[in-house]
Amino acid sequence: MKKSFNRFVAVALIAASSVALSGCFGSFALTSKLHNWNGSVSDSKFVNELVFLGLCILPAYELCCLGDALIFNSIEFWGGNNPVAMKAGDIEKDQVMFAGKSYTVTKTMNKMEISSEESDAVAEFQYYPEEDAWYLMNGQEKQKLMKNTKKMMKAVVALH
């Protein structure tokens, strides 16, 4: 029993140190976006400071920093880019295989398209920040897929 516990502790320490010592500092894009928004709330530096203190008490800054550290910066380090850091005009294309078929995933700011290599089928997903919701698009028609993505992100961060 003690031997297996010691082995578990050793494996946990190696795993933790591999993440900590890998140089995965990252851009902390989500935290930066929150900070930039906080700075633009008002022209008054006192109002911005009060909003900042409120966000610290609510733990918005803490959750964003934790999400960046555990999720987004790791994705950025291992995958080369941070999904939160996409700007207007950025395009990212990936090839994926699913059930023996090849698909192209094209991501831009607030939009993702999945197209089949073997047919003309295209699925287009659009994020509307003002509604905090993702939609499946069909021309101008849209069908809501997911709402309150910020709450879901907080839950994912809380699980980690």
N, C-alpha and C. Protein backbone atom coordinates (compact mmCIF):
# COMPACT_ATOMS: atom_id res chain seq x y z
N MET A 1 0.83 -1.19 0.00
CA MET A 1 0.00 0.00 0.00
C MET A 1 0.87 1.25 0.00
N LYS A 2 1.86 1.29 0.90
CA LYS A 2 2.73 2.45 1.00
C LYS A 2 3.56 2.61 -0.27
N LYS A 3 3.99 1.49 -0.86
CA LYS A 3 4.80 1.52 -2.08
C LYS A 3 4.00 2.11 -3.25
N SER A 4 2.73 1.70 -3.38
CA SER A 4 1.91 2.24 -4.48
C SER A 4 1.61 3.72 -4.26
N PHE A 5 1.44 4.13 -2.98
CA PHE A 5 1.22 5.54 -2.70
C PHE A 5 2.45 6.36 -3.06
N ASN A 6 3.64 5.87 -2.71
CA ASN A 6 4.89 6.56 -3.06
C ASN A 6 5.05 6.65 -4.58
N ARG A 7 4.70 5.59 -5.28
CA ARG A 7 4.79 5.59 -6.75
C ARG A 7 3.82 6.63 -7.33
N PHE A 8 2.60 6.71 -6.76
CA PHE A 8 1.62 7.69 -7.21
C PHE A 8 2.14 9.11 -6.99
N VAL A 9 2.70 9.37 -5.83
CA VAL A 9 3.24 10.69 -5.51
C VAL A 9 4.37 11.05 -6.47
N ALA A 10 5.25 10.07 -6.78
CA ALA A 10 6.36 10.31 -7.70
C ALA A 10 5.85 10.65 -9.09
N VAL A 11 4.86 9.90 -9.57
CA VAL A 11 4.29 10.16 -10.89
C VAL A 11 3.61 11.53 -10.91
N ALA A 12 2.89 11.87 -9.85
CA ALA A 12 2.21 13.18 -9.79
C ALA A 12 3.23 14.32 -9.79
N LEU A 13 4.33 14.16 -9.06
CA LEU A 13 5.37 15.19 -9.04
C LEU A 13 6.04 15.34 -10.40
N ILE A 14 6.30 14.22 -11.07
CA ILE A 14 6.91 14.28 -12.40
C ILE A 14 5.96 14.98 -13.38
N ALA A 15 4.68 14.62 -13.32
CA ALA A 15 3.70 15.25 -14.22
C ALA A 15 3.59 16.75 -13.95
N ALA A 16 3.54 17.12 -12.67
CA ALA A 16 3.42 18.54 -12.32
C ALA A 16 4.67 19.31 -12.73
N SER A 17 5.84 18.72 -12.51
CA SER A 17 7.06 19.43 -12.88
C SER A 17 7.24 19.51 -14.39
N SER A 18 6.74 18.52 -15.15
CA SER A 18 6.86 18.60 -16.61
C SER A 18 6.05 19.75 -17.16
N VAL A 19 4.89 20.02 -16.55
CA VAL A 19 4.08 21.16 -16.98
C VAL A 19 4.73 22.46 -16.50
N ALA A 20 5.17 22.48 -15.25
CA ALA A 20 5.73 23.70 -14.67
C ALA A 20 7.06 24.09 -15.30
N LEU A 21 7.85 23.12 -15.70
CA LEU A 21 9.18 23.41 -16.22
C LEU A 21 9.25 23.40 -17.75
N SER A 22 8.11 23.30 -18.42
CA SER A 22 8.12 23.21 -19.88
C SER A 22 8.23 24.56 -20.55
N GLY A 23 8.20 25.64 -19.81
CA GLY A 23 8.30 26.98 -20.40
C GLY A 23 6.97 27.44 -20.97
N CYS A 24 5.89 26.88 -20.52
CA CYS A 24 4.56 27.19 -21.03
C CYS A 24 4.03 28.44 -20.32
N PHE A 25 4.59 29.57 -20.65
CA PHE A 25 4.16 30.81 -20.01
C PHE A 25 2.89 31.34 -20.67
N GLY A 26 2.86 31.40 -21.97
CA GLY A 26 1.67 31.79 -22.69
C GLY A 26 1.38 33.27 -22.68
N SER A 27 0.37 33.66 -23.43
CA SER A 27 0.05 35.07 -23.61
C SER A 27 -1.03 35.57 -22.65
N PHE A 28 -1.70 34.67 -21.93
CA PHE A 28 -2.78 35.03 -21.02
C PHE A 28 -3.78 35.94 -21.73
N ALA A 29 -4.26 35.49 -22.89
CA ALA A 29 -5.15 36.29 -23.73
C ALA A 29 -6.50 36.57 -23.07
N LEU A 30 -7.07 35.59 -22.38
CA LEU A 30 -8.37 35.79 -21.75
C LEU A 30 -8.27 36.83 -20.64
N THR A 31 -7.23 36.73 -19.82
CA THR A 31 -7.02 37.71 -18.75
C THR A 31 -6.76 39.10 -19.33
N SER A 32 -6.00 39.15 -20.43
CA SER A 32 -5.73 40.45 -21.08
C SER A 32 -7.01 41.06 -21.64
N LYS A 33 -7.89 40.23 -22.21
CA LYS A 33 -9.15 40.75 -22.74
C LYS A 33 -10.02 41.32 -21.61
N LEU A 34 -10.07 40.62 -20.48
CA LEU A 34 -10.82 41.13 -19.34
C LEU A 34 -10.22 42.45 -18.84
N HIS A 35 -8.90 42.51 -18.77
CA HIS A 35 -8.22 43.73 -18.31
C HIS A 35 -8.49 44.89 -19.27
N ASN A 36 -8.42 44.63 -20.58
CA ASN A 36 -8.70 45.69 -21.57
C ASN A 36 -10.14 46.17 -21.48
N TRP A 37 -11.08 45.23 -21.29
CA TRP A 37 -12.47 45.62 -21.13
C TRP A 37 -12.63 46.47 -19.88
N ASN A 38 -12.01 46.04 -18.78
CA ASN A 38 -12.09 46.77 -17.52
C ASN A 38 -11.58 48.21 -17.69
N GLY A 39 -10.53 48.39 -18.48
CA GLY A 39 -9.98 49.72 -18.70
C GLY A 39 -10.84 50.62 -19.57
N SER A 40 -11.82 50.02 -20.28
CA SER A 40 -12.66 50.81 -21.17
C SER A 40 -14.08 50.98 -20.64
N VAL A 41 -14.34 50.57 -19.41
CA VAL A 41 -15.68 50.69 -18.84
C VAL A 41 -16.10 52.14 -18.73
N SER A 42 -15.19 53.00 -18.31
CA SER A 42 -15.50 54.40 -18.09
C SER A 42 -14.28 55.26 -18.40
N ASP A 43 -14.52 56.54 -18.58
CA ASP A 43 -13.40 57.47 -18.74
C ASP A 43 -12.79 57.84 -17.39
N SER A 44 -13.48 57.50 -16.33
CA SER A 44 -13.00 57.82 -14.98
C SER A 44 -12.15 56.68 -14.44
N LYS A 45 -10.94 56.99 -14.02
CA LYS A 45 -10.06 55.95 -13.50
C LYS A 45 -10.59 55.41 -12.17
N PHE A 46 -11.37 56.19 -11.44
CA PHE A 46 -11.94 55.74 -10.18
C PHE A 46 -13.02 54.69 -10.41
N VAL A 47 -13.86 54.90 -11.43
CA VAL A 47 -14.89 53.92 -11.77
C VAL A 47 -14.21 52.63 -12.25
N ASN A 48 -13.19 52.76 -13.09
CA ASN A 48 -12.47 51.57 -13.56
C ASN A 48 -11.86 50.80 -12.39
N GLU A 49 -11.34 51.52 -11.40
CA GLU A 49 -10.75 50.87 -10.22
C GLU A 49 -11.81 50.14 -9.41
N LEU A 50 -12.98 50.76 -9.24
CA LEU A 50 -14.07 50.10 -8.52
C LEU A 50 -14.53 48.83 -9.24
N VAL A 51 -14.65 48.91 -10.57
CA VAL A 51 -15.01 47.73 -11.36
C VAL A 51 -13.94 46.65 -11.21
N PHE A 52 -12.66 47.06 -11.26
CA PHE A 52 -11.56 46.12 -11.08
C PHE A 52 -11.65 45.41 -9.73
N LEU A 53 -11.87 46.18 -8.66
CA LEU A 53 -11.99 45.57 -7.33
C LEU A 53 -13.19 44.63 -7.25
N GLY A 54 -14.30 45.03 -7.86
CA GLY A 54 -15.48 44.16 -7.90
C GLY A 54 -15.20 42.85 -8.64
N LEU A 55 -14.49 42.95 -9.76
CA LEU A 55 -14.15 41.75 -10.52
C LEU A 55 -13.17 40.86 -9.76
N CYS A 56 -12.31 41.46 -8.97
CA CYS A 56 -11.39 40.66 -8.14
C CYS A 56 -12.15 39.96 -7.02
N ILE A 57 -13.13 40.64 -6.43
CA ILE A 57 -13.92 40.04 -5.35
C ILE A 57 -14.82 38.92 -5.89
N LEU A 58 -15.37 39.11 -7.08
CA LEU A 58 -16.26 38.10 -7.68
C LEU A 58 -15.57 36.83 -8.15
N PRO A 59 -14.48 36.64 -8.24
CA PRO A 59 -13.22 36.17 -8.79
C PRO A 59 -13.17 36.05 -10.30
N ALA A 60 -13.59 37.08 -11.04
CA ALA A 60 -13.51 37.04 -12.49
C ALA A 60 -12.06 36.99 -12.96
N TYR A 61 -11.22 37.83 -12.40
CA TYR A 61 -9.80 37.83 -12.79
C TYR A 61 -9.14 36.51 -12.43
N GLU A 62 -9.48 35.97 -11.27
CA GLU A 62 -8.87 34.72 -10.83
C GLU A 62 -9.27 33.57 -11.75
N LEU A 63 -10.56 33.52 -12.13
CA LEU A 63 -11.02 32.45 -13.03
C LEU A 63 -10.41 32.58 -14.42
N CYS A 64 -10.31 33.81 -14.92
CA CYS A 64 -9.67 34.01 -16.23
C CYS A 64 -8.21 33.60 -16.20
N CYS A 65 -7.51 33.98 -15.14
CA CYS A 65 -6.10 33.62 -15.01
C CYS A 65 -5.94 32.11 -14.90
N LEU A 66 -6.79 31.47 -14.12
CA LEU A 66 -6.74 30.01 -13.98
C LEU A 66 -7.05 29.32 -15.31
N GLY A 67 -8.08 29.82 -16.02
CA GLY A 67 -8.40 29.26 -17.33
C GLY A 67 -7.26 29.41 -18.32
N ASP A 68 -6.62 30.59 -18.31
CA ASP A 68 -5.45 30.80 -19.17
C ASP A 68 -4.34 29.83 -18.80
N ALA A 69 -4.02 29.74 -17.50
CA ALA A 69 -2.89 28.93 -17.06
C ALA A 69 -3.10 27.45 -17.33
N LEU A 70 -4.31 26.95 -17.06
CA LEU A 70 -4.54 25.51 -17.18
C LEU A 70 -4.97 25.06 -18.57
N ILE A 71 -5.70 25.90 -19.28
CA ILE A 71 -6.29 25.45 -20.55
C ILE A 71 -5.68 26.17 -21.75
N PHE A 72 -5.94 27.47 -21.86
CA PHE A 72 -5.61 28.20 -23.08
C PHE A 72 -4.11 28.32 -23.34
N ASN A 73 -3.32 28.59 -22.30
CA ASN A 73 -1.87 28.67 -22.51
C ASN A 73 -1.27 27.32 -22.84
N SER A 74 -1.84 26.25 -22.29
CA SER A 74 -1.37 24.90 -22.64
C SER A 74 -1.68 24.59 -24.10
N ILE A 75 -2.89 24.97 -24.54
CA ILE A 75 -3.24 24.79 -25.96
C ILE A 75 -2.29 25.60 -26.83
N GLU A 76 -2.01 26.83 -26.41
CA GLU A 76 -1.09 27.69 -27.16
C GLU A 76 0.30 27.08 -27.22
N PHE A 77 0.78 26.54 -26.11
CA PHE A 77 2.13 25.97 -26.07
C PHE A 77 2.23 24.72 -26.95
N TRP A 78 1.29 23.80 -26.78
CA TRP A 78 1.37 22.52 -27.50
C TRP A 78 0.85 22.63 -28.92
N GLY A 79 -0.13 23.51 -29.17
CA GLY A 79 -0.73 23.60 -30.49
C GLY A 79 -0.27 24.77 -31.32
N GLY A 80 0.39 25.75 -30.71
CA GLY A 80 0.94 26.87 -31.45
C GLY A 80 0.11 28.13 -31.43
N ASN A 81 -1.18 28.06 -31.03
CA ASN A 81 -1.96 29.29 -30.97
C ASN A 81 -3.03 29.16 -29.90
N ASN A 82 -3.48 30.30 -29.44
CA ASN A 82 -4.47 30.36 -28.37
C ASN A 82 -5.82 30.70 -28.99
N PRO A 83 -6.85 29.85 -28.80
CA PRO A 83 -8.14 30.11 -29.44
C PRO A 83 -8.79 31.41 -28.97
N VAL A 84 -8.48 31.87 -27.78
CA VAL A 84 -9.07 33.12 -27.27
C VAL A 84 -8.39 34.32 -27.90
N ALA A 85 -7.17 34.14 -28.37
CA ALA A 85 -6.37 35.27 -28.87
C ALA A 85 -6.62 35.59 -30.34
N MET A 86 -7.56 34.90 -30.99
CA MET A 86 -7.81 35.18 -32.41
C MET A 86 -8.33 36.59 -32.59
N LYS A 87 -7.81 37.24 -33.59
CA LYS A 87 -8.23 38.61 -33.93
C LYS A 87 -8.95 38.58 -35.28
N ALA A 88 -9.61 39.66 -35.60
CA ALA A 88 -10.28 39.77 -36.90
C ALA A 88 -9.23 39.59 -38.00
N GLY A 89 -9.52 38.72 -38.94
CA GLY A 89 -8.59 38.46 -40.04
C GLY A 89 -7.72 37.24 -39.84
N ASP A 90 -7.61 36.75 -38.59
CA ASP A 90 -6.84 35.52 -38.33
C ASP A 90 -7.60 34.32 -38.88
N ILE A 91 -6.89 33.42 -39.54
CA ILE A 91 -7.48 32.20 -40.09
C ILE A 91 -6.61 31.02 -39.67
N GLU A 92 -7.27 29.97 -39.21
CA GLU A 92 -6.57 28.75 -38.84
C GLU A 92 -7.28 27.57 -39.50
N LYS A 93 -6.51 26.76 -40.23
CA LYS A 93 -7.08 25.59 -40.89
C LYS A 93 -6.42 24.34 -40.36
N ASP A 94 -7.24 23.31 -40.13
CA ASP A 94 -6.75 22.02 -39.67
C ASP A 94 -7.43 20.92 -40.45
N GLN A 95 -6.73 19.83 -40.64
CA GLN A 95 -7.29 18.63 -41.25
C GLN A 95 -7.53 17.64 -40.12
N VAL A 96 -8.72 17.06 -40.08
CA VAL A 96 -9.05 16.06 -39.06
C VAL A 96 -9.64 14.83 -39.74
N MET A 97 -9.45 13.70 -39.11
CA MET A 97 -10.04 12.45 -39.58
C MET A 97 -11.09 12.02 -38.57
N PHE A 98 -12.28 11.63 -39.07
CA PHE A 98 -13.33 11.12 -38.21
C PHE A 98 -14.04 10.01 -38.97
N ALA A 99 -14.12 8.86 -38.36
CA ALA A 99 -14.79 7.69 -38.95
C ALA A 99 -14.24 7.39 -40.34
N GLY A 100 -12.93 7.54 -40.50
CA GLY A 100 -12.29 7.22 -41.77
C GLY A 100 -12.45 8.27 -42.85
N LYS A 101 -13.04 9.39 -42.55
CA LYS A 101 -13.25 10.46 -43.53
C LYS A 101 -12.46 11.70 -43.12
N SER A 102 -11.98 12.44 -44.11
CA SER A 102 -11.18 13.63 -43.87
C SER A 102 -12.06 14.88 -43.92
N TYR A 103 -11.84 15.77 -42.95
CA TYR A 103 -12.58 17.03 -42.88
C TYR A 103 -11.59 18.18 -42.71
N THR A 104 -11.98 19.35 -43.22
CA THR A 104 -11.20 20.56 -43.03
C THR A 104 -11.96 21.45 -42.06
N VAL A 105 -11.27 21.88 -40.99
CA VAL A 105 -11.86 22.78 -40.01
C VAL A 105 -11.19 24.13 -40.18
N THR A 106 -11.98 25.14 -40.53
CA THR A 106 -11.47 26.50 -40.72
C THR A 106 -12.04 27.38 -39.63
N LYS A 107 -11.12 27.99 -38.83
CA LYS A 107 -11.55 28.82 -37.71
C LYS A 107 -11.13 30.26 -37.97
N THR A 108 -12.05 31.17 -37.75
CA THR A 108 -11.77 32.60 -37.76
C THR A 108 -12.43 33.16 -36.50
N MET A 109 -12.27 34.45 -36.29
CA MET A 109 -12.84 35.05 -35.08
C MET A 109 -14.35 34.88 -35.08
N ASN A 110 -14.87 34.21 -34.05
CA ASN A 110 -16.30 33.98 -33.83
C ASN A 110 -16.96 33.12 -34.90
N LYS A 111 -16.18 32.33 -35.64
CA LYS A 111 -16.77 31.52 -36.69
C LYS A 111 -15.94 30.26 -36.90
N MET A 112 -16.63 29.13 -37.21
CA MET A 112 -15.94 27.90 -37.52
C MET A 112 -16.71 27.17 -38.62
N GLU A 113 -15.98 26.70 -39.63
CA GLU A 113 -16.58 25.93 -40.72
C GLU A 113 -15.93 24.56 -40.76
N ILE A 114 -16.78 23.55 -40.94
CA ILE A 114 -16.29 22.18 -41.10
C ILE A 114 -16.77 21.70 -42.45
N SER A 115 -15.82 21.34 -43.32
CA SER A 115 -16.19 20.89 -44.66
C SER A 115 -15.62 19.49 -44.90
N SER A 116 -16.36 18.72 -45.68
CA SER A 116 -15.96 17.36 -46.01
C SER A 116 -15.07 17.38 -47.24
N GLU A 117 -14.04 16.56 -47.21
CA GLU A 117 -13.15 16.44 -48.36
C GLU A 117 -13.82 15.68 -49.50
N GLU A 118 -14.78 14.80 -49.17
CA GLU A 118 -15.37 13.91 -50.17
C GLU A 118 -16.68 14.41 -50.75
N SER A 119 -17.26 15.43 -50.15
CA SER A 119 -18.52 15.97 -50.67
C SER A 119 -18.49 17.49 -50.51
N ASP A 120 -19.55 18.13 -50.96
CA ASP A 120 -19.64 19.58 -50.85
C ASP A 120 -20.29 20.03 -49.55
N ALA A 121 -20.46 19.11 -48.60
CA ALA A 121 -21.13 19.44 -47.35
C ALA A 121 -20.27 20.37 -46.50
N VAL A 122 -20.90 21.43 -45.99
CA VAL A 122 -20.23 22.40 -45.13
C VAL A 122 -21.15 22.72 -43.95
N ALA A 123 -20.59 22.64 -42.75
CA ALA A 123 -21.32 23.07 -41.55
C ALA A 123 -20.66 24.34 -41.06
N GLU A 124 -21.46 25.40 -40.90
CA GLU A 124 -20.93 26.69 -40.47
C GLU A 124 -21.51 27.04 -39.10
N PHE A 125 -20.62 27.37 -38.16
CA PHE A 125 -21.02 27.75 -36.81
C PHE A 125 -20.58 29.19 -36.56
N GLN A 126 -21.49 29.99 -35.99
CA GLN A 126 -21.21 31.41 -35.77
C GLN A 126 -21.48 31.74 -34.31
N TYR A 127 -20.55 32.48 -33.70
CA TYR A 127 -20.73 32.94 -32.32
C TYR A 127 -21.15 34.40 -32.35
N TYR A 128 -22.22 34.70 -31.61
CA TYR A 128 -22.70 36.08 -31.48
C TYR A 128 -22.41 36.54 -30.05
N PRO A 129 -21.34 37.37 -29.87
CA PRO A 129 -20.96 37.78 -28.51
C PRO A 129 -22.06 38.54 -27.77
N GLU A 130 -22.85 39.33 -28.49
CA GLU A 130 -23.90 40.11 -27.82
C GLU A 130 -24.97 39.20 -27.21
N GLU A 131 -25.13 37.99 -27.75
CA GLU A 131 -26.08 37.02 -27.20
C GLU A 131 -25.38 35.95 -26.38
N ASP A 132 -24.05 35.91 -26.44
CA ASP A 132 -23.25 34.87 -25.80
C ASP A 132 -23.77 33.49 -26.20
N ALA A 133 -23.92 33.29 -27.52
CA ALA A 133 -24.49 32.04 -28.02
C ALA A 133 -23.85 31.62 -29.34
N TRP A 134 -23.76 30.31 -29.55
CA TRP A 134 -23.30 29.72 -30.81
C TRP A 134 -24.50 29.26 -31.61
N TYR A 135 -24.45 29.48 -32.94
CA TYR A 135 -25.53 29.10 -33.84
C TYR A 135 -24.98 28.24 -34.98
N LEU A 136 -25.81 27.31 -35.43
CA LEU A 136 -25.56 26.58 -36.66
C LEU A 136 -26.21 27.39 -37.77
N MET A 137 -25.42 27.80 -38.76
CA MET A 137 -25.91 28.68 -39.81
C MET A 137 -26.30 27.90 -41.05
N ASN A 138 -27.36 28.36 -41.72
CA ASN A 138 -27.78 27.84 -43.01
C ASN A 138 -28.17 29.04 -43.84
N GLY A 139 -27.18 29.65 -44.49
CA GLY A 139 -27.41 30.92 -45.18
C GLY A 139 -27.68 31.99 -44.14
N GLN A 140 -28.84 32.64 -44.24
CA GLN A 140 -29.22 33.65 -43.25
C GLN A 140 -30.02 33.05 -42.08
N GLU A 141 -30.45 31.78 -42.24
CA GLU A 141 -31.16 31.11 -41.16
C GLU A 141 -30.15 30.63 -40.13
N LYS A 142 -30.57 30.66 -38.87
CA LYS A 142 -29.67 30.19 -37.82
C LYS A 142 -30.46 29.42 -36.77
N GLN A 143 -29.78 28.42 -36.21
CA GLN A 143 -30.38 27.60 -35.17
C GLN A 143 -29.45 27.62 -33.96
N LYS A 144 -29.98 28.05 -32.82
CA LYS A 144 -29.16 28.18 -31.62
C LYS A 144 -28.72 26.81 -31.14
N LEU A 145 -27.40 26.68 -30.90
CA LEU A 145 -26.84 25.43 -30.40
C LEU A 145 -26.51 25.51 -28.92
N MET A 146 -25.92 26.63 -28.52
CA MET A 146 -25.39 26.73 -27.18
C MET A 146 -25.51 28.17 -26.69
N LYS A 147 -25.97 28.36 -25.46
CA LYS A 147 -26.08 29.70 -24.88
C LYS A 147 -25.33 29.71 -23.56
N ASN A 148 -24.99 30.91 -23.11
CA ASN A 148 -24.27 31.09 -21.85
C ASN A 148 -22.92 30.38 -21.87
N THR A 149 -22.17 30.59 -22.93
CA THR A 149 -20.87 29.94 -23.04
C THR A 149 -19.91 30.43 -21.97
N LYS A 150 -20.09 31.65 -21.46
CA LYS A 150 -19.23 32.16 -20.39
C LYS A 150 -19.45 31.35 -19.12
N LYS A 151 -20.72 31.04 -18.82
CA LYS A 151 -21.00 30.22 -17.64
C LYS A 151 -20.42 28.82 -17.81
N MET A 152 -20.52 28.27 -19.02
CA MET A 152 -19.95 26.95 -19.27
C MET A 152 -18.44 26.98 -19.12
N MET A 153 -17.80 28.06 -19.60
CA MET A 153 -16.35 28.19 -19.48
C MET A 153 -15.94 28.25 -18.02
N LYS A 154 -16.70 28.98 -17.21
CA LYS A 154 -16.40 29.04 -15.78
C LYS A 154 -16.51 27.67 -15.15
N ALA A 155 -17.53 26.89 -15.57
CA ALA A 155 -17.68 25.54 -15.03
C ALA A 155 -16.52 24.64 -15.43
N VAL A 156 -16.06 24.76 -16.69
CA VAL A 156 -14.91 23.97 -17.13
C VAL A 156 -13.68 24.34 -16.34
N VAL A 157 -13.46 25.63 -16.14
CA VAL A 157 -12.31 26.09 -15.37
C VAL A 157 -12.42 25.59 -13.93
N ALA A 158 -13.63 25.61 -13.36
CA ALA A 158 -13.80 25.17 -11.98
C ALA A 158 -13.51 23.67 -11.85
N LEU A 159 -13.80 22.89 -12.88
CA LEU A 159 -13.51 21.45 -12.84
C LEU A 159 -12.03 21.15 -12.85
N HIS A 160 -11.25 22.03 -13.46
CA HIS A 160 -9.81 21.80 -13.52
C HIS A 160 -9.18 22.37 -12.30
